[in-house]
Every structure is written in C-alpha cells, then in structure tokens.
Amino acid sequence: MLRTQVSLDEQDYKLAKREAAALGISVAEYVRRALRGALPINGRPRWM
C-alpha cells in the first residue's frame, strides 16, 4: 500500500469522520472505499 496525502475542507472532514465512525472504520479506510467507488472498473472509463 502506498501513502498519500489529501487536503479536505473542515466540513468534508467532519462528515467523513462521522460516517467512518458510524461504519466502525478509519477515515483512511472510508476515503479508500469512496475512491474505489469512483474509479473505473478494470481501468475502463465509466460511460456517462
């Protein structure tokens, strides 16, 4: 796993932290899952 850094505004961070806590996961895991949901499947662009 690689490490990276992202900047979030305060409101987005608070919401992510709250959602992560509700799921029983870290903010990092919450962001990883959100990113996986936004990335194209098998490297193929999503049709819009």
C-alpha atoms as a PDB file:
ATOM      1  CA  MET A   1       0.000   0.000   0.000  1.00  0.00           C
ATOM      2  CA  LEU A   2       1.260   3.483  -0.841  1.00  0.00           C
ATOM      3  CA  ARG A   3       0.786   6.510   1.359  1.00  0.00           C
ATOM      4  CA  THR A   4      -0.582   9.773   0.066  1.00  0.00           C
ATOM      5  CA  GLN A   5      -1.887  12.997   1.488  1.00  0.00           C
ATOM      6  CA  VAL A   6      -5.097  14.830   0.643  1.00  0.00           C
ATOM      7  CA  SER A   7      -6.465  18.135   1.850  1.00  0.00           C
ATOM      8  CA  LEU A   8     -10.114  18.342   2.860  1.00  0.00           C
ATOM      9  CA  ASP A   9     -12.081  21.323   3.971  1.00  0.00           C
ATOM     10  CA  GLU A  10     -13.230  21.194   7.569  1.00  0.00           C
ATOM     11  CA  GLN A  11     -16.849  20.310   6.798  1.00  0.00           C
ATOM     12  CA  ASP A  12     -15.917  17.425   4.474  1.00  0.00           C
ATOM     13  CA  TYR A  13     -13.510  16.051   7.078  1.00  0.00           C
ATOM     14  CA  LYS A  14     -16.126  16.216   9.826  1.00  0.00           C
ATOM     15  CA  LEU A  15     -18.663  14.409   7.640  1.00  0.00           C
ATOM     16  CA  ALA A  16     -16.144  11.746   6.595  1.00  0.00           C
ATOM     17  CA  LYS A  17     -15.068  11.225  10.198  1.00  0.00           C
ATOM     18  CA  ARG A  18     -18.680  10.866  11.341  1.00  0.00           C
ATOM     19  CA  GLU A  19     -19.538   8.390   8.576  1.00  0.00           C
ATOM     20  CA  ALA A  20     -16.373   6.388   9.195  1.00  0.00           C
ATOM     21  CA  ALA A  21     -17.159   6.179  12.902  1.00  0.00           C
ATOM     22  CA  ALA A  22     -20.706   5.013  12.141  1.00  0.00           C
ATOM     23  CA  LEU A  23     -19.231   2.219   9.982  1.00  0.00           C
ATOM     24  CA  GLY A  24     -16.574   1.367  12.582  1.00  0.00           C
ATOM     25  CA  ILE A  25     -13.693   2.145  10.217  1.00  0.00           C
ATOM     26  CA  SER A  26     -10.939   4.735   9.991  1.00  0.00           C
ATOM     27  CA  VAL A  27     -11.224   7.893   7.913  1.00  0.00           C
ATOM     28  CA  ALA A  28      -8.443   6.485   5.714  1.00  0.00           C
ATOM     29  CA  GLU A  29     -10.478   3.333   5.015  1.00  0.00           C
ATOM     30  CA  TYR A  30     -13.573   5.426   4.377  1.00  0.00           C
ATOM     31  CA  VAL A  31     -11.686   7.503   1.797  1.00  0.00           C
ATOM     32  CA  ARG A  32     -10.225   4.345   0.185  1.00  0.00           C
ATOM     33  CA  ARG A  33     -13.724   2.881  -0.196  1.00  0.00           C
ATOM     34  CA  ALA A  34     -15.098   6.127  -1.587  1.00  0.00           C
ATOM     35  CA  LEU A  35     -12.246   6.311  -4.093  1.00  0.00           C
ATOM     36  CA  ARG A  36     -12.779   2.685  -5.150  1.00  0.00           C
ATOM     37  CA  GLY A  37     -16.416   3.508  -5.810  1.00  0.00           C
ATOM     38  CA  ALA A  38     -15.453   6.441  -8.022  1.00  0.00           C
ATOM     39  CA  LEU A  39     -12.704   4.724 -10.040  1.00  0.00           C
ATOM     40  CA  PRO A  40     -13.464   2.977 -13.341  1.00  0.00           C
ATOM     41  CA  ILE A  41     -13.834  -0.787 -13.209  1.00  0.00           C
ATOM     42  CA  ASN A  42     -10.878  -2.663 -14.784  1.00  0.00           C
ATOM     43  CA  GLY A  43      -9.330   0.618 -15.903  1.00  0.00           C
ATOM     44  CA  ARG A  44     -12.191   1.315 -18.299  1.00  0.00           C
ATOM     45  CA  PRO A  45     -13.761   4.756 -18.227  1.00  0.00           C
ATOM     46  CA  ARG A  46     -17.324   4.864 -16.994  1.00  0.00           C
ATOM     47  CA  TRP A  47     -19.976   5.710 -19.507  1.00  0.00           C
ATOM     48  CA  MET A  48     -21.738   8.920 -18.544  1.00  0.00           C
END
